[in-house]
Amino acid sequence: MQARNKLGLLLLVGAVLLMATPGSPVPILLGRVLIRPGSVVASVGEAIERTVTRPFVAFRNKNALLNENEKLRAEINAMKNEMLLFPIIKEERDSLLALLGRSSLYATSSGNFFPQGTLASDVIDRAGSLPYDTINIDIGSSSGVTVGDVVLGDSSVAIGKVVAVWPAQSRVALYSLAGSSLDVMIGVDGPMVTVVGRGFGNLESKLPRDIEIETGDVLYLPGLEPRVVAVVGDIERAPADAFQLVISRSPHSLQELRTVFVLPSAH
């Protein structure tokens, strides 16, 4: 009997020492696997799991939740600070536009901001009745639309330009129209390159390999207010080729266009 008690005591001491190792699985193994149910040592193992392991796991989970909560609080505070700066930035921007003789912005119900004079229009014809990557819209010369006006999918994305005008309708060719070409910037301050439409919302450009460009880079229409034209989706680089073929795509799908915005040439 004394030998059995000593063995139990030694096992208990060993288990406690092993518990000092952070993340040690020993308590669980002692309590669930290595010790026979009903024995004295089994009871000790169960007691260790109940009084030490479970509270430790709960404490660790609670710490993880607290850390995640602090991270979310920091992100929310950062967003609040950015929102506080927005009126100041808008005021500075409007002042700059006024100095340049440009009109200020107006907001739509969707939260988009456009220059005063921007014309909203519904898409009335698209692929099926028209060549792909062209659309007809329900405003024309009587509303002030002229050939060459830039057409926006939203306040930050340019999708094409007006190519024909009638009194109450206009035709828009998307930048992705096969065979059309356009000069764009890689990033807001990157080099100018030429992209060519290849249809179905896609554009391509064959560039020297030494021009730095990566998947996900944004191509902008140059101007005082650069607007997104496309996002780089794929780059083909052959080892022996001095050029790279860059494939990009407009953020707006032709089939999803319902309302577009005509930016008069004066803007």
Protein backbone atom coordinates (compact mmCIF):
# COMPACT_ATOMS: atom_id res chain seq x y z
CA MET A 1 0.00 0.00 0.00
CA GLN A 2 2.79 2.41 0.89
CA ALA A 3 4.51 1.70 -2.47
CA ARG A 4 1.28 2.45 -4.30
CA ASN A 5 0.83 5.74 -2.44
CA LYS A 6 4.43 6.73 -3.19
CA LEU A 7 3.88 5.97 -6.87
CA GLY A 8 0.78 8.12 -6.93
CA LEU A 9 2.59 10.94 -5.16
CA LEU A 10 5.51 10.78 -7.62
CA LEU A 11 3.16 10.87 -10.58
CA LEU A 12 1.32 13.85 -9.10
CA VAL A 13 4.58 15.76 -8.55
CA GLY A 14 5.74 14.93 -12.09
CA ALA A 15 2.44 16.09 -13.59
CA VAL A 16 2.60 19.39 -11.69
CA LEU A 17 6.17 20.00 -12.90
CA LEU A 18 5.22 19.25 -16.49
CA MET A 19 2.29 21.67 -16.19
CA ALA A 20 4.85 24.47 -15.81
CA THR A 21 5.65 24.13 -19.52
CA PRO A 22 3.36 26.58 -21.44
CA GLY A 23 1.02 24.84 -23.88
CA SER A 24 1.98 21.39 -22.58
CA PRO A 25 -0.56 18.68 -23.56
CA VAL A 26 0.48 16.53 -20.59
CA PRO A 27 -2.50 17.39 -18.33
CA ILE A 28 -4.97 16.38 -21.00
CA LEU A 29 -3.05 13.21 -21.80
CA LEU A 30 -2.79 12.34 -18.11
CA GLY A 31 -6.45 12.95 -17.57
CA ARG A 32 -7.80 11.26 -20.69
CA VAL A 33 -5.37 8.75 -22.17
CA LEU A 34 -2.47 7.51 -20.09
CA ILE A 35 -4.23 6.73 -16.81
CA ARG A 36 -6.75 3.94 -16.20
CA PRO A 37 -10.25 5.01 -15.18
CA GLY A 38 -11.04 4.36 -11.55
CA SER A 39 -7.47 4.43 -10.27
CA VAL A 40 -6.12 6.87 -7.69
CA VAL A 41 -3.84 8.42 -10.25
CA ALA A 42 -6.75 8.76 -12.71
CA SER A 43 -8.59 10.82 -10.13
CA VAL A 44 -5.53 13.01 -9.73
CA GLY A 45 -5.31 13.50 -13.52
CA GLU A 46 -9.00 14.42 -13.73
CA ALA A 47 -8.55 16.90 -10.90
CA ILE A 48 -5.59 18.49 -12.68
CA GLU A 49 -7.56 18.84 -15.92
CA ARG A 50 -10.57 20.28 -14.12
CA THR A 51 -8.71 22.77 -11.92
CA VAL A 52 -5.72 23.73 -14.08
CA THR A 53 -6.08 22.93 -17.77
CA ARG A 54 -9.65 24.09 -18.37
CA PRO A 55 -9.23 27.45 -16.61
CA PHE A 56 -5.91 27.96 -18.47
CA VAL A 57 -7.58 27.35 -21.87
CA ALA A 58 -10.44 29.67 -20.97
CA PHE A 59 -7.97 32.35 -19.86
CA ARG A 60 -6.02 32.01 -23.12
CA ASN A 61 -9.23 32.31 -25.20
CA LYS A 62 -10.27 35.36 -23.22
CA ASN A 63 -6.90 37.01 -23.88
CA ALA A 64 -7.27 36.34 -27.62
CA LEU A 65 -10.71 37.98 -27.60
CA LEU A 66 -9.40 40.98 -25.67
CA ASN A 67 -6.52 41.42 -28.14
CA GLU A 68 -8.89 41.21 -31.12
CA ASN A 69 -11.21 43.72 -29.45
CA GLU A 70 -8.33 46.17 -28.97
CA LYS A 71 -7.34 45.77 -32.62
CA LEU A 72 -10.89 46.52 -33.78
CA ARG A 73 -11.07 49.57 -31.48
CA ALA A 74 -7.85 50.91 -33.00
CA GLU A 75 -9.20 50.44 -36.54
CA ILE A 76 -12.48 52.19 -35.64
CA ASN A 77 -10.59 55.12 -34.10
CA ALA A 78 -8.45 55.43 -37.24
CA MET A 79 -11.58 55.51 -39.41
CA LYS A 80 -13.14 58.17 -37.17
CA ASN A 81 -10.03 60.31 -37.51
CA GLU A 82 -10.16 60.00 -41.30
CA MET A 83 -13.84 61.00 -41.29
CA LEU A 84 -13.00 64.08 -39.22
CA LEU A 85 -10.47 65.11 -41.85
CA PHE A 86 -12.89 64.73 -44.76
CA PRO A 87 -14.63 68.16 -44.43
CA ILE A 88 -11.21 69.85 -44.27
CA ILE A 89 -9.94 68.01 -47.34
CA LYS A 90 -13.15 68.78 -49.27
CA GLU A 91 -12.92 72.48 -48.37
CA GLU A 92 -9.30 72.62 -49.55
CA ARG A 93 -10.22 70.82 -52.77
CA ASP A 94 -13.13 73.16 -53.50
CA SER A 95 -10.87 76.17 -52.89
CA LEU A 96 -8.34 74.79 -55.37
CA LEU A 97 -11.03 74.14 -57.96
CA ALA A 98 -12.35 77.68 -57.49
CA LEU A 99 -8.86 79.09 -58.11
CA LEU A 100 -8.69 77.04 -61.30
CA GLY A 101 -12.11 78.21 -62.42
CA ARG A 102 -13.67 74.78 -61.86
CA SER A 103 -17.08 74.19 -60.29
CA SER A 104 -17.43 72.37 -56.97
CA LEU A 105 -18.83 68.90 -56.41
CA TYR A 106 -22.34 67.67 -55.88
CA ALA A 107 -23.31 64.40 -54.23
CA THR A 108 -25.75 61.78 -55.51
CA SER A 109 -27.98 59.62 -53.33
CA SER A 110 -25.49 56.78 -53.72
CA GLY A 111 -22.74 58.85 -52.10
CA ASN A 112 -20.81 59.54 -55.32
CA PHE A 113 -19.38 63.02 -55.78
CA PHE A 114 -19.38 64.57 -59.26
CA PRO A 115 -18.43 68.00 -60.64
CA GLN A 116 -21.36 70.35 -61.08
CA GLY A 117 -22.73 69.96 -64.59
CA THR A 118 -22.27 66.19 -64.73
CA LEU A 119 -25.21 64.60 -66.56
CA ALA A 120 -26.78 61.40 -65.24
CA SER A 121 -28.22 59.08 -67.87
CA ASP A 122 -29.83 55.66 -68.17
CA VAL A 123 -28.45 52.98 -70.47
CA ILE A 124 -31.13 52.16 -73.05
CA ASP A 125 -29.28 49.85 -75.47
CA ARG A 126 -26.31 47.55 -75.06
CA ALA A 127 -24.71 44.43 -76.55
CA GLY A 128 -27.25 42.44 -78.53
CA SER A 129 -28.68 45.34 -80.46
CA LEU A 130 -25.30 47.13 -80.65
CA PRO A 131 -21.68 46.12 -81.22
CA TYR A 132 -20.18 44.78 -78.00
CA ASP A 133 -18.56 47.40 -75.74
CA THR A 134 -20.87 50.14 -76.98
CA ILE A 135 -24.01 51.48 -75.30
CA ASN A 136 -26.72 54.02 -76.06
CA ILE A 137 -27.83 56.47 -73.35
CA ASP A 138 -31.01 58.52 -73.06
CA ILE A 139 -29.58 62.04 -73.25
CA GLY A 140 -28.16 63.89 -76.24
CA SER A 141 -27.36 67.30 -77.68
CA SER A 142 -30.50 68.85 -76.18
CA SER A 143 -29.00 68.08 -72.74
CA GLY A 144 -25.57 69.44 -73.64
CA VAL A 145 -23.83 66.19 -74.59
CA THR A 146 -21.07 66.50 -77.21
CA VAL A 147 -18.84 64.02 -79.03
CA GLY A 148 -15.72 63.32 -76.99
CA ASP A 149 -17.34 63.76 -73.57
CA VAL A 150 -15.97 61.32 -70.98
CA VAL A 151 -18.48 58.86 -69.55
CA LEU A 152 -18.19 57.61 -65.96
CA GLY A 153 -19.49 54.43 -64.37
CA ASP A 154 -19.24 56.15 -60.98
CA SER A 155 -17.42 59.20 -59.67
CA SER A 156 -14.01 57.51 -59.73
CA VAL A 157 -14.16 55.21 -62.79
CA ALA A 158 -14.09 56.35 -66.43
CA ILE A 159 -15.58 53.75 -68.77
CA GLY A 160 -15.58 55.37 -72.23
CA LYS A 161 -16.40 58.40 -74.34
CA VAL A 162 -19.28 59.72 -76.42
CA VAL A 163 -18.80 58.92 -80.12
CA ALA A 164 -22.17 59.96 -81.60
CA VAL A 165 -24.88 62.37 -80.50
CA TRP A 166 -28.54 62.84 -81.43
CA PRO A 167 -31.01 65.27 -79.85
CA ALA A 168 -32.27 62.81 -77.21
CA GLN A 169 -29.72 59.98 -77.35
CA SER A 170 -25.98 59.42 -77.49
CA ARG A 171 -23.71 56.49 -78.26
CA VAL A 172 -20.83 55.63 -75.97
CA ALA A 173 -17.82 53.52 -76.94
CA LEU A 174 -16.24 51.86 -73.94
CA TYR A 175 -12.46 52.03 -73.66
CA SER A 176 -12.42 48.25 -74.01
CA LEU A 177 -13.96 48.39 -77.51
CA ALA A 178 -11.82 46.16 -79.72
CA GLY A 179 -9.20 48.16 -81.61
CA SER A 180 -9.66 51.43 -79.70
CA SER A 181 -6.62 52.93 -77.98
CA LEU A 182 -6.11 55.16 -74.97
CA ASP A 183 -3.19 56.73 -73.10
CA VAL A 184 -3.26 55.93 -69.38
CA MET A 185 -1.01 56.27 -66.34
CA ILE A 186 0.26 53.36 -64.27
CA GLY A 187 -0.75 54.62 -60.84
CA VAL A 188 -1.56 58.26 -60.20
CA ASP A 189 2.03 59.36 -60.84
CA GLY A 190 3.47 56.52 -62.92
CA PRO A 191 4.60 56.44 -66.55
CA MET A 192 2.20 56.94 -69.45
CA VAL A 193 1.44 53.88 -71.56
CA THR A 194 -1.02 53.08 -74.35
CA VAL A 195 -3.68 50.43 -73.89
CA VAL A 196 -5.73 48.88 -76.69
CA GLY A 197 -9.24 47.53 -76.31
CA ARG A 198 -9.67 43.82 -76.92
CA GLY A 199 -13.42 43.58 -76.23
CA PHE A 200 -15.59 42.24 -73.42
CA GLY A 201 -14.30 44.79 -70.90
CA ASN A 202 -10.64 43.89 -71.45
CA LEU A 203 -7.66 45.98 -72.53
CA GLU A 204 -4.08 45.06 -73.33
CA SER A 205 -0.73 46.75 -73.63
CA LYS A 206 2.62 45.51 -74.88
CA LEU A 207 5.27 47.16 -72.74
CA PRO A 208 9.06 46.95 -72.47
CA ARG A 209 10.09 44.59 -69.69
CA ASP A 210 11.91 47.37 -67.85
CA ILE A 211 8.61 49.16 -67.13
CA GLU A 212 7.58 48.16 -63.62
CA ILE A 213 4.01 46.95 -63.45
CA GLU A 214 2.35 44.25 -61.35
CA THR A 215 -0.96 42.44 -61.10
CA GLY A 216 -3.42 44.65 -59.21
CA ASP A 217 -1.89 47.93 -60.39
CA VAL A 218 -4.46 50.56 -61.36
CA LEU A 219 -4.47 52.36 -64.71
CA TYR A 220 -5.72 55.95 -64.59
CA LEU A 221 -7.05 58.40 -67.15
CA PRO A 222 -4.67 61.38 -66.87
CA GLY A 223 -5.99 64.79 -65.91
CA LEU A 224 -6.52 67.16 -63.02
CA GLU A 225 -8.74 64.52 -61.45
CA PRO A 226 -7.30 61.13 -62.50
CA ARG A 227 -9.97 58.46 -62.81
CA VAL A 228 -9.64 54.69 -62.84
CA VAL A 229 -9.82 53.05 -66.26
CA ALA A 230 -8.81 49.46 -65.52
CA VAL A 231 -7.03 47.16 -63.10
CA VAL A 232 -4.16 44.92 -64.21
CA GLY A 233 -5.32 41.30 -64.06
CA ASP A 234 -2.60 39.34 -65.81
CA ILE A 235 0.94 39.82 -67.14
CA GLU A 236 2.54 37.49 -69.68
CA ARG A 237 6.35 37.52 -69.69
CA ALA A 238 8.29 35.16 -71.95
CA PRO A 239 11.91 34.65 -70.82
CA ALA A 240 13.38 35.50 -74.24
CA ASP A 241 10.96 38.34 -75.02
CA ALA A 242 11.98 41.99 -74.53
CA PHE A 243 8.32 42.91 -73.98
CA GLN A 244 5.56 41.99 -71.55
CA LEU A 245 1.89 41.69 -72.42
CA VAL A 246 -0.30 43.35 -69.79
CA ILE A 247 -3.99 42.44 -69.64
CA SER A 248 -6.30 44.71 -67.66
CA ARG A 249 -10.02 44.95 -67.08
CA SER A 250 -12.53 47.69 -66.33
CA PRO A 251 -14.00 47.55 -62.79
CA HIS A 252 -17.48 47.86 -64.35
CA SER A 253 -19.17 45.02 -66.22
CA LEU A 254 -21.12 46.06 -69.31
CA GLN A 255 -24.07 43.94 -68.23
CA GLU A 256 -24.21 45.67 -64.84
CA LEU A 257 -24.34 49.22 -66.20
CA ARG A 258 -27.72 50.82 -65.58
CA THR A 259 -26.89 54.47 -64.98
CA VAL A 260 -23.84 56.31 -66.28
CA PHE A 261 -22.60 59.90 -65.95
CA VAL A 262 -21.49 62.15 -68.78
CA LEU A 263 -18.74 64.57 -67.88
CA PRO A 264 -19.05 67.60 -70.21
CA SER A 265 -15.84 68.50 -72.04
CA ALA A 266 -15.57 71.76 -70.07
CA HIS A 267 -14.79 69.64 -67.00
